[in-house]
Amino acid sequence: MASTVVNRQRSCVAAVVILLSFSSTPALAYFPLVTDDTGTQGKGGHQVELDYAFEKSHSRIESDTGEFIENIQSLSNAFPMAYTYGVTENVDVFLGMSRQTSPINGWQSSEIGLKWVFAGDQTQGWSAAIKPVVTLPVSNTMQDNGLGAAKTNLGLTVISSYLADTHEWHFNVGYESNQQGNTPNLEPERSDLWSASLAPVLVLDPQWKLAFDMGIQTNRAYNSEYSAFGEVALIYAPVDNVQLGLGVIYSPDINASDKAYRYGITTGITYQF
């Protein structure tokens, strides 16, 4: 029974990292949303993003006969950050990093990638983009601590956006590999992850936006096949080229054997120059 509890605790810590990496990866989404938009910085434009993400996860441990043993809870704090540069009017390149301070203190896997708007007008009406990403490996020790994977992984997201004066719609479909290094303490995870999400956004006035975000993805852990999320967020632009964001997110593992779920808060600032 002791080994079962330890394994479940490791799974719970890993689940925290999973949602943080999905929902708070810097510069890869329409902050503070999970879903990305097609917007780019324009040729020669720069963007810096500094965020904070808090999450609390819950899971339930039962015996082989289904008897309740205990509930496991875990807290996580991370500080994602990113830099984006506009190579052309329709192409951005970016670098994203994140410093986790609990439950393990350390740098998570970094990401490099680009976004290319290949159709439509990204400032009004409909547009479409693709976003390839490379997730850089961490050490085997960092992988065991839940800070990332000890192998290089690749991802690709197809993005569609529609912008009007009073509202916006953003839709994503994505794939990412999840190859892990071979270490003794590693919990097995799925190697191929798919996701889809939709985010309607209400433009309340030139400074305020109210956003709703929802989606589903392949669950990395084998406690269930899929996990889902829902988020409500506010975006405030006090001055030109500065946005402040605040989001509240809930994510359950669908039909999970351990009834795992997570909720979190993301907040931060984005600056373009």
C-alpha atoms as a PDB file:
ATOM      1  CA  MET A   1       0.000   0.000   0.000  1.00  0.00           C
ATOM      2  CA  ALA A   2       2.860   2.399   0.787  1.00  0.00           C
ATOM      3  CA  SER A   3       4.291   2.073  -2.730  1.00  0.00           C
ATOM      4  CA  THR A   4       0.855   2.729  -4.202  1.00  0.00           C
ATOM      5  CA  VAL A   5       0.517   5.943  -2.195  1.00  0.00           C
ATOM      6  CA  VAL A   6       3.992   7.104  -3.263  1.00  0.00           C
ATOM      7  CA  ASN A   7       3.230   6.422  -6.917  1.00  0.00           C
ATOM      8  CA  ARG A   8      -0.060   8.300  -6.701  1.00  0.00           C
ATOM      9  CA  GLN A   9       1.711  11.233  -5.050  1.00  0.00           C
ATOM     10  CA  ARG A  10       4.221  11.335  -7.903  1.00  0.00           C
ATOM     11  CA  SER A  11       1.363  11.246 -10.385  1.00  0.00           C
ATOM     12  CA  CYS A  12      -0.314  14.127  -8.592  1.00  0.00           C
ATOM     13  CA  VAL A  13       2.836  16.260  -8.757  1.00  0.00           C
ATOM     14  CA  ALA A  14       3.238  15.418 -12.439  1.00  0.00           C
ATOM     15  CA  ALA A  15      -0.373  16.435 -13.074  1.00  0.00           C
ATOM     16  CA  VAL A  16       0.356  19.871 -11.658  1.00  0.00           C
ATOM     17  CA  VAL A  17       3.225  20.330 -14.096  1.00  0.00           C
ATOM     18  CA  ILE A  18       1.098  19.044 -16.979  1.00  0.00           C
ATOM     19  CA  LEU A  19      -1.627  21.662 -16.601  1.00  0.00           C
ATOM     20  CA  LEU A  20       0.812  24.478 -15.934  1.00  0.00           C
ATOM     21  CA  SER A  21       2.744  23.607 -19.076  1.00  0.00           C
ATOM     22  CA  PHE A  22      -0.478  23.384 -21.075  1.00  0.00           C
ATOM     23  CA  SER A  23      -2.184  26.506 -19.834  1.00  0.00           C
ATOM     24  CA  SER A  24       0.684  28.833 -19.043  1.00  0.00           C
ATOM     25  CA  THR A  25       3.377  28.219 -21.616  1.00  0.00           C
ATOM     26  CA  PRO A  26       4.699  31.711 -22.332  1.00  0.00           C
ATOM     27  CA  ALA A  27       3.987  33.486 -25.608  1.00  0.00           C
ATOM     28  CA  LEU A  28       2.215  30.465 -27.053  1.00  0.00           C
ATOM     29  CA  ALA A  29      -1.291  31.593 -26.290  1.00  0.00           C
ATOM     30  CA  TYR A  30      -3.563  34.613 -26.236  1.00  0.00           C
ATOM     31  CA  PHE A  31      -2.649  35.399 -22.631  1.00  0.00           C
ATOM     32  CA  PRO A  32      -4.117  34.451 -20.212  1.00  0.00           C
ATOM     33  CA  LEU A  33      -5.993  31.926 -22.368  1.00  0.00           C
ATOM     34  CA  VAL A  34      -4.951  28.413 -23.307  1.00  0.00           C
ATOM     35  CA  THR A  35      -6.190  28.972 -26.876  1.00  0.00           C
ATOM     36  CA  ASP A  36      -3.895  30.949 -29.171  1.00  0.00           C
ATOM     37  CA  ASP A  37      -4.849  33.646 -31.680  1.00  0.00           C
ATOM     38  CA  THR A  38      -3.326  34.401 -35.088  1.00  0.00           C
ATOM     39  CA  GLY A  39      -1.928  37.809 -34.084  1.00  0.00           C
ATOM     40  CA  THR A  40       1.760  38.520 -34.761  1.00  0.00           C
ATOM     41  CA  GLN A  41       4.035  41.426 -33.763  1.00  0.00           C
ATOM     42  CA  GLY A  42       4.700  42.790 -37.249  1.00  0.00           C
ATOM     43  CA  LYS A  43       8.122  43.148 -38.863  1.00  0.00           C
ATOM     44  CA  GLY A  44      10.682  44.296 -36.289  1.00  0.00           C
ATOM     45  CA  GLY A  45       8.174  44.188 -33.424  1.00  0.00           C
ATOM     46  CA  HIS A  46       9.028  42.818 -29.985  1.00  0.00           C
ATOM     47  CA  GLN A  47       6.927  41.382 -27.167  1.00  0.00           C
ATOM     48  CA  VAL A  48       7.878  40.495 -23.601  1.00  0.00           C
ATOM     49  CA  GLU A  49       5.524  38.507 -21.362  1.00  0.00           C
ATOM     50  CA  LEU A  50       5.907  37.937 -17.610  1.00  0.00           C
ATOM     51  CA  ASP A  51       3.316  35.754 -15.871  1.00  0.00           C
ATOM     52  CA  TYR A  52       2.482  33.961 -12.652  1.00  0.00           C
ATOM     53  CA  ALA A  53       0.558  30.666 -12.439  1.00  0.00           C
ATOM     54  CA  PHE A  54      -0.872  29.026  -9.319  1.00  0.00           C
ATOM     55  CA  GLU A  55      -2.512  25.609  -9.310  1.00  0.00           C
ATOM     56  CA  LYS A  56      -4.044  23.229  -6.786  1.00  0.00           C
ATOM     57  CA  SER A  57      -4.596  19.598  -7.774  1.00  0.00           C
ATOM     58  CA  HIS A  58      -6.747  16.910  -6.172  1.00  0.00           C
ATOM     59  CA  SER A  59      -6.841  13.144  -6.549  1.00  0.00           C
ATOM     60  CA  ARG A  60      -8.327  10.221  -4.621  1.00  0.00           C
ATOM     61  CA  ILE A  61      -6.486   7.043  -3.622  1.00  0.00           C
ATOM     62  CA  GLU A  62      -8.456   3.803  -3.357  1.00  0.00           C
ATOM     63  CA  SER A  63      -7.463   0.222  -2.638  1.00  0.00           C
ATOM     64  CA  ASP A  64      -7.685  -2.537  -5.244  1.00  0.00           C
ATOM     65  CA  THR A  65     -11.152  -3.338  -3.880  1.00  0.00           C
ATOM     66  CA  GLY A  66     -12.347   0.262  -4.272  1.00  0.00           C
ATOM     67  CA  GLU A  67     -12.121   1.276  -0.626  1.00  0.00           C
ATOM     68  CA  PHE A  68     -11.159   4.901   0.050  1.00  0.00           C
ATOM     69  CA  ILE A  69      -7.631   5.405   1.422  1.00  0.00           C
ATOM     70  CA  GLU A  70      -6.981   9.147   1.279  1.00  0.00           C
ATOM     71  CA  ASN A  71      -7.252  12.331  -0.759  1.00  0.00           C
ATOM     72  CA  ILE A  72      -4.064  13.815  -2.166  1.00  0.00           C
ATOM     73  CA  GLN A  73      -3.666  17.563  -2.725  1.00  0.00           C
ATOM     74  CA  SER A  74      -0.729  19.427  -4.198  1.00  0.00           C
ATOM     75  CA  LEU A  75       0.069  23.109  -4.783  1.00  0.00           C
ATOM     76  CA  SER A  76       2.209  24.503  -7.581  1.00  0.00           C
ATOM     77  CA  ASN A  77       3.606  27.954  -8.360  1.00  0.00           C
ATOM     78  CA  ALA A  78       5.397  28.955 -11.558  1.00  0.00           C
ATOM     79  CA  PHE A  79       6.603  32.115 -13.307  1.00  0.00           C
ATOM     80  CA  PRO A  80       6.404  31.740 -17.106  1.00  0.00           C
ATOM     81  CA  MET A  81       8.150  34.311 -19.301  1.00  0.00           C
ATOM     82  CA  ALA A  82       8.663  34.766 -23.009  1.00  0.00           C
ATOM     83  CA  TYR A  83      10.194  36.887 -25.717  1.00  0.00           C
ATOM     84  CA  THR A  84       8.704  37.185 -29.226  1.00  0.00           C
ATOM     85  CA  TYR A  85      10.172  38.890 -32.302  1.00  0.00           C
ATOM     86  CA  GLY A  86       8.420  39.743 -35.571  1.00  0.00           C
ATOM     87  CA  VAL A  87      10.548  38.492 -38.483  1.00  0.00           C
ATOM     88  CA  THR A  88       7.997  39.665 -41.065  1.00  0.00           C
ATOM     89  CA  GLU A  89       4.487  41.085 -40.898  1.00  0.00           C
ATOM     90  CA  ASN A  90       3.094  37.537 -40.738  1.00  0.00           C
ATOM     91  CA  VAL A  91       5.877  35.527 -39.030  1.00  0.00           C
ATOM     92  CA  ASP A  92       6.954  35.576 -35.373  1.00  0.00           C
ATOM     93  CA  VAL A  93       9.689  33.613 -33.628  1.00  0.00           C
ATOM     94  CA  PHE A  94       9.626  33.101 -29.871  1.00  0.00           C
ATOM     95  CA  LEU A  95      11.439  31.678 -26.864  1.00  0.00           C
ATOM     96  CA  GLY A  96       9.500  30.610 -23.757  1.00  0.00           C
ATOM     97  CA  MET A  97      10.824  29.681 -20.317  1.00  0.00           C
ATOM     98  CA  SER A  98       9.231  29.030 -16.929  1.00  0.00           C
ATOM     99  CA  ARG A  99      10.607  28.971 -13.401  1.00  0.00           C
ATOM    100  CA  GLN A 100       8.675  26.697 -11.044  1.00  0.00           C
ATOM    101  CA  THR A 101       9.053  27.425  -7.313  1.00  0.00           C
ATOM    102  CA  SER A 102       6.876  24.655  -5.853  1.00  0.00           C
ATOM    103  CA  PRO A 103       6.424  21.748  -5.309  1.00  0.00           C
ATOM    104  CA  ILE A 104       9.903  21.507  -6.912  1.00  0.00           C
ATOM    105  CA  ASN A 105      12.112  24.564  -7.403  1.00  0.00           C
ATOM    106  CA  GLY A 106      13.692  24.680 -10.859  1.00  0.00           C
ATOM    107  CA  TRP A 107      13.460  25.660 -14.518  1.00  0.00           C
ATOM    108  CA  GLN A 108      10.916  23.786 -16.628  1.00  0.00           C
ATOM    109  CA  SER A 109      11.436  22.739 -20.259  1.00  0.00           C
ATOM    110  CA  SER A 110      12.031  25.723 -22.570  1.00  0.00           C
ATOM    111  CA  GLU A 111      10.313  26.122 -25.939  1.00  0.00           C
ATOM    112  CA  ILE A 112      11.311  27.738 -29.229  1.00  0.00           C
ATOM    113  CA  GLY A 113       9.072  28.104 -32.236  1.00  0.00           C
ATOM    114  CA  LEU A 114       7.389  30.326 -34.749  1.00  0.00           C
ATOM    115  CA  LYS A 115       3.925  31.432 -35.819  1.00  0.00           C
ATOM    116  CA  TRP A 116       3.098  31.958 -39.497  1.00  0.00           C
ATOM    117  CA  VAL A 117      -0.159  33.602 -40.575  1.00  0.00           C
ATOM    118  CA  PHE A 118      -0.682  32.045 -44.010  1.00  0.00           C
ATOM    119  CA  ALA A 119      -4.239  33.165 -44.837  1.00  0.00           C
ATOM    120  CA  GLY A 120      -6.612  36.052 -44.152  1.00  0.00           C
ATOM    121  CA  ASP A 121      -6.207  39.368 -42.332  1.00  0.00           C
ATOM    122  CA  GLN A 122      -5.096  38.955 -38.715  1.00  0.00           C
ATOM    123  CA  THR A 123      -6.372  42.446 -37.773  1.00  0.00           C
ATOM    124  CA  GLN A 124      -9.989  42.026 -38.938  1.00  0.00           C
ATOM    125  CA  GLY A 125     -12.226  39.222 -40.097  1.00  0.00           C
ATOM    126  CA  TRP A 126     -10.965  35.672 -40.562  1.00  0.00           C
ATOM    127  CA  SER A 127      -7.340  34.477 -40.575  1.00  0.00           C
ATOM    128  CA  ALA A 128      -5.406  31.228 -40.143  1.00  0.00           C
ATOM    129  CA  ALA A 129      -1.928  30.355 -38.896  1.00  0.00           C
ATOM    130  CA  ILE A 130       0.313  27.420 -38.048  1.00  0.00           C
ATOM    131  CA  LYS A 131       2.634  27.273 -35.046  1.00  0.00           C
ATOM    132  CA  PRO A 132       5.439  24.667 -34.917  1.00  0.00           C
ATOM    133  CA  VAL A 133       7.203  24.352 -31.542  1.00  0.00           C
ATOM    134  CA  VAL A 134      10.322  22.547 -30.306  1.00  0.00           C
ATOM    135  CA  THR A 135      10.419  21.689 -26.587  1.00  0.00           C
ATOM    136  CA  LEU A 136      14.007  21.429 -25.392  1.00  0.00           C
ATOM    137  CA  PRO A 137      15.090  18.545 -23.135  1.00  0.00           C
ATOM    138  CA  VAL A 138      15.974  18.779 -19.448  1.00  0.00           C
ATOM    139  CA  SER A 139      18.261  16.523 -17.438  1.00  0.00           C
ATOM    140  CA  ASN A 140      17.155  13.102 -16.181  1.00  0.00           C
ATOM    141  CA  THR A 141      17.079  14.457 -12.623  1.00  0.00           C
ATOM    142  CA  MET A 142      14.854  17.367 -13.654  1.00  0.00           C
ATOM    143  CA  GLN A 143      12.581  14.926 -15.487  1.00  0.00           C
ATOM    144  CA  ASP A 144      12.233  12.824 -12.326  1.00  0.00           C
ATOM    145  CA  ASN A 145      11.286  16.007 -10.446  1.00  0.00           C
ATOM    146  CA  GLY A 146       8.494  16.775 -12.917  1.00  0.00           C
ATOM    147  CA  LEU A 147      10.181  19.742 -14.626  1.00  0.00           C
ATOM    148  CA  GLY A 148       9.952  18.420 -18.186  1.00  0.00           C
ATOM    149  CA  ALA A 149      11.118  15.621 -20.469  1.00  0.00           C
ATOM    150  CA  ALA A 150      14.699  14.438 -20.954  1.00  0.00           C
ATOM    151  CA  LYS A 151      14.129  14.206 -24.716  1.00  0.00           C
ATOM    152  CA  THR A 152      13.434  16.822 -27.393  1.00  0.00           C
ATOM    153  CA  ASN A 153       9.751  17.007 -28.359  1.00  0.00           C
ATOM    154  CA  LEU A 154       7.906  18.611 -31.280  1.00  0.00           C
ATOM    155  CA  GLY A 155       4.479  20.184 -31.595  1.00  0.00           C
ATOM    156  CA  LEU A 156       2.269  21.788 -34.251  1.00  0.00           C
ATOM    157  CA  THR A 157      -0.896  23.853 -33.766  1.00  0.00           C
ATOM    158  CA  VAL A 158      -3.319  25.042 -36.448  1.00  0.00           C
ATOM    159  CA  ILE A 159      -4.972  28.327 -35.424  1.00  0.00           C
ATOM    160  CA  SER A 160      -8.053  30.060 -36.780  1.00  0.00           C
ATOM    161  CA  SER A 161      -9.300  33.470 -35.604  1.00  0.00           C
ATOM    162  CA  TYR A 162     -12.215  35.748 -36.426  1.00  0.00           C
ATOM    163  CA  LEU A 163     -12.084  39.382 -35.238  1.00  0.00           C
ATOM    164  CA  ALA A 164     -14.984  41.848 -35.209  1.00  0.00           C
ATOM    165  CA  ASP A 165     -15.519  45.156 -33.396  1.00  0.00           C
ATOM    166  CA  THR A 166     -17.522  43.628 -30.541  1.00  0.00           C
ATOM    167  CA  HIS A 167     -16.314  40.029 -30.383  1.00  0.00           C
ATOM    168  CA  GLU A 168     -13.656  37.508 -31.371  1.00  0.00           C
ATOM    169  CA  TRP A 169     -13.508  33.744 -31.962  1.00  0.00           C
ATOM    170  CA  HIS A 170     -10.357  31.638 -31.720  1.00  0.00           C
ATOM    171  CA  PHE A 171     -10.044  27.931 -32.501  1.00  0.00           C
ATOM    172  CA  ASN A 172      -7.014  25.624 -32.129  1.00  0.00           C
ATOM    173  CA  VAL A 173      -6.219  22.030 -33.090  1.00  0.00           C
ATOM    174  CA  GLY A 174      -2.832  20.741 -32.011  1.00  0.00           C
ATOM    175  CA  TYR A 175      -0.461  17.804 -31.693  1.00  0.00           C
ATOM    176  CA  GLU A 176       2.657  17.370 -29.575  1.00  0.00           C
ATOM    177  CA  SER A 177       4.990  14.476 -28.969  1.00  0.00           C
ATOM    178  CA  ASN A 178       5.692  13.461 -25.377  1.00  0.00           C
ATOM    179  CA  GLN A 179       8.841  11.341 -25.518  1.00  0.00           C
ATOM    180  CA  GLN A 180      10.393  10.699 -22.110  1.00  0.00           C
ATOM    181  CA  GLY A 181      13.912   9.736 -21.111  1.00  0.00           C
ATOM    182  CA  ASN A 182      14.450   6.384 -19.403  1.00  0.00           C
ATOM    183  CA  THR A 183      14.822   6.997 -15.668  1.00  0.00           C
ATOM    184  CA  PRO A 184      13.981   4.626 -12.771  1.00  0.00           C
ATOM    185  CA  ASN A 185      11.389   6.857 -11.082  1.00  0.00           C
ATOM    186  CA  LEU A 186       9.481   7.860 -14.221  1.00  0.00           C
ATOM    187  CA  GLU A 187       5.731   7.328 -14.284  1.00  0.00           C
ATOM    188  CA  PRO A 188       4.687   6.088 -17.764  1.00  0.00           C
ATOM    189  CA  GLU A 189       2.936   8.677 -19.971  1.00  0.00           C
ATOM    190  CA  ARG A 190       1.337   8.674 -23.414  1.00  0.00           C
ATOM    191  CA  SER A 191       3.768   9.619 -26.170  1.00  0.00           C
ATOM    192  CA  ASP A 192       1.296  11.321 -28.565  1.00  0.00           C
ATOM    193  CA  LEU A 193      -0.952  14.158 -27.382  1.00  0.00           C
ATOM    194  CA  TRP A 194      -3.808  15.793 -29.309  1.00  0.00           C
ATOM    195  CA  SER A 195      -5.822  18.856 -28.310  1.00  0.00           C
ATOM    196  CA  ALA A 196      -8.684  21.074 -29.496  1.00  0.00           C
ATOM    197  CA  SER A 197      -9.979  24.300 -27.953  1.00  0.00           C
ATOM    198  CA  LEU A 198     -12.343  27.210 -28.599  1.00  0.00           C
ATOM    199  CA  ALA A 199     -12.280  30.709 -27.106  1.00  0.00           C
ATOM    200  CA  PRO A 200     -15.033  33.300 -27.639  1.00  0.00           C
ATOM    201  CA  VAL A 201     -13.994  36.797 -26.529  1.00  0.00           C
ATOM    202  CA  LEU A 202     -16.288  39.773 -25.824  1.00  0.00           C
ATOM    203  CA  VAL A 203     -14.778  43.201 -26.587  1.00  0.00           C
ATOM    204  CA  LEU A 204     -16.416  45.307 -23.863  1.00  0.00           C
ATOM    205  CA  ASP A 205     -14.647  48.555 -24.831  1.00  0.00           C
ATOM    206  CA  PRO A 206     -11.218  49.585 -26.197  1.00  0.00           C
ATOM    207  CA  GLN A 207      -9.570  48.637 -22.876  1.00  0.00           C
ATOM    208  CA  TRP A 208     -11.487  45.615 -21.550  1.00  0.00           C
ATOM    209  CA  LYS A 209     -12.128  42.110 -22.913  1.00  0.00           C
ATOM    210  CA  LEU A 210     -14.003  39.216 -21.265  1.00  0.00           C
ATOM    211  CA  ALA A 211     -12.947  35.791 -22.521  1.00  0.00           C
ATOM    212  CA  PHE A 212     -14.190  32.226 -22.171  1.00  0.00           C
ATOM    213  CA  ASP A 213     -11.975  29.295 -23.087  1.00  0.00           C
ATOM    214  CA  MET A 214     -12.753  25.582 -23.265  1.00  0.00           C
ATOM    215  CA  GLY A 215     -11.048  22.519 -24.667  1.00  0.00           C
ATOM    216  CA  ILE A 216     -10.100  18.867 -24.485  1.00  0.00           C
ATOM    217  CA  GLN A 217      -6.771  17.063 -24.808  1.00  0.00           C
ATOM    218  CA  THR A 218      -5.216  13.642 -24.609  1.00  0.00           C
ATOM    219  CA  ASN A 219      -4.343  12.933 -20.990  1.00  0.00           C
ATOM    220  CA  ARG A 220      -0.625  12.338 -20.523  1.00  0.00           C
ATOM    221  CA  ALA A 221      -1.304  10.100 -17.540  1.00  0.00           C
ATOM    222  CA  TYR A 222      -3.025   6.718 -17.915  1.00  0.00           C
ATOM    223  CA  ASN A 223      -5.618   7.399 -15.204  1.00  0.00           C
ATOM    224  CA  SER A 224      -8.002   8.485 -18.005  1.00  0.00           C
ATOM    225  CA  GLU A 225      -7.996   8.914 -21.772  1.00  0.00           C
ATOM    226  CA  TYR A 226      -8.819  12.633 -21.889  1.00  0.00           C
ATOM    227  CA  SER A 227      -8.672  15.757 -19.755  1.00  0.00           C
ATOM    228  CA  ALA A 228     -10.717  18.910 -20.298  1.00  0.00           C
ATOM    229  CA  PHE A 229     -10.519  22.523 -19.196  1.00  0.00           C
ATOM    230  CA  GLY A 230     -12.679  25.615 -18.867  1.00  0.00           C
ATOM    231  CA  GLU A 231     -11.476  29.144 -18.175  1.00  0.00           C
ATOM    232  CA  VAL A 232     -12.895  32.620 -17.575  1.00  0.00           C
ATOM    233  CA  ALA A 233     -10.505  35.528 -18.097  1.00  0.00           C
ATOM    234  CA  LEU A 234     -10.298  39.330 -18.104  1.00  0.00           C
ATOM    235  CA  ILE A 235      -7.875  41.266 -20.304  1.00  0.00           C
ATOM    236  CA  TYR A 236      -7.215  44.947 -19.576  1.00  0.00           C
ATOM    237  CA  ALA A 237      -5.135  47.372 -21.666  1.00  0.00           C
ATOM    238  CA  PRO A 238      -4.397  50.440 -19.458  1.00  0.00           C
ATOM    239  CA  VAL A 239      -2.219  52.049 -22.176  1.00  0.00           C
ATOM    240  CA  ASP A 240      -1.172  51.261 -25.718  1.00  0.00           C
ATOM    241  CA  ASN A 241       1.042  48.173 -26.066  1.00  0.00           C
ATOM    242  CA  VAL A 242       0.458  46.932 -22.502  1.00  0.00           C
ATOM    243  CA  GLN A 243      -2.045  44.225 -21.491  1.00  0.00           C
ATOM    244  CA  LEU A 244      -2.803  42.854 -18.045  1.00  0.00           C
ATOM    245  CA  GLY A 245      -4.515  39.475 -17.773  1.00  0.00           C
ATOM    246  CA  LEU A 246      -6.255  37.417 -15.102  1.00  0.00           C
ATOM    247  CA  GLY A 247      -7.691  33.943 -15.658  1.00  0.00           C
ATOM    248  CA  VAL A 248      -9.351  31.277 -13.509  1.00  0.00           C
ATOM    249  CA  ILE A 249      -9.182  27.740 -14.910  1.00  0.00           C
ATOM    250  CA  TYR A 250     -10.657  24.347 -13.965  1.00  0.00           C
ATOM    251  CA  SER A 251      -9.441  21.068 -15.467  1.00  0.00           C
ATOM    252  CA  PRO A 252     -10.803  17.568 -14.693  1.00  0.00           C
ATOM    253  CA  ASP A 253      -9.495  14.258 -15.985  1.00  0.00           C
ATOM    254  CA  ILE A 254     -12.548  12.755 -17.689  1.00  0.00           C
ATOM    255  CA  ASN A 255     -13.739   9.512 -16.025  1.00  0.00           C
ATOM    256  CA  ALA A 256     -10.415   9.280 -14.195  1.00  0.00           C
ATOM    257  CA  SER A 257      -9.752   6.274 -11.968  1.00  0.00           C
ATOM    258  CA  ASP A 258      -8.409   8.607  -9.264  1.00  0.00           C
ATOM    259  CA  LYS A 259     -11.036  11.353  -9.901  1.00  0.00           C
ATOM    260  CA  ALA A 260      -8.228  13.847 -10.483  1.00  0.00           C
ATOM    261  CA  TYR A 261      -8.984  17.509 -11.128  1.00  0.00           C
ATOM    262  CA  ARG A 262      -7.158  20.825 -10.914  1.00  0.00           C
ATOM    263  CA  TYR A 263      -7.973  24.495 -10.648  1.00  0.00           C
ATOM    264  CA  GLY A 264      -5.667  27.450 -10.977  1.00  0.00           C
ATOM    265  CA  ILE A 265      -5.145  31.176 -11.423  1.00  0.00           C
ATOM    266  CA  THR A 266      -2.936  32.843 -14.023  1.00  0.00           C
ATOM    267  CA  THR A 267      -2.014  36.515 -14.110  1.00  0.00           C
ATOM    268  CA  GLY A 268       0.638  38.628 -15.762  1.00  0.00           C
ATOM    269  CA  ILE A 269       1.653  41.466 -18.053  1.00  0.00           C
ATOM    270  CA  THR A 270       2.438  41.638 -21.778  1.00  0.00           C
ATOM    271  CA  TYR A 271       4.368  44.525 -23.366  1.00  0.00           C
ATOM    272  CA  GLN A 272       4.954  45.240 -27.059  1.00  0.00           C
ATOM    273  CA  PHE A 273       7.612  47.629 -28.372  1.00  0.00           C
END
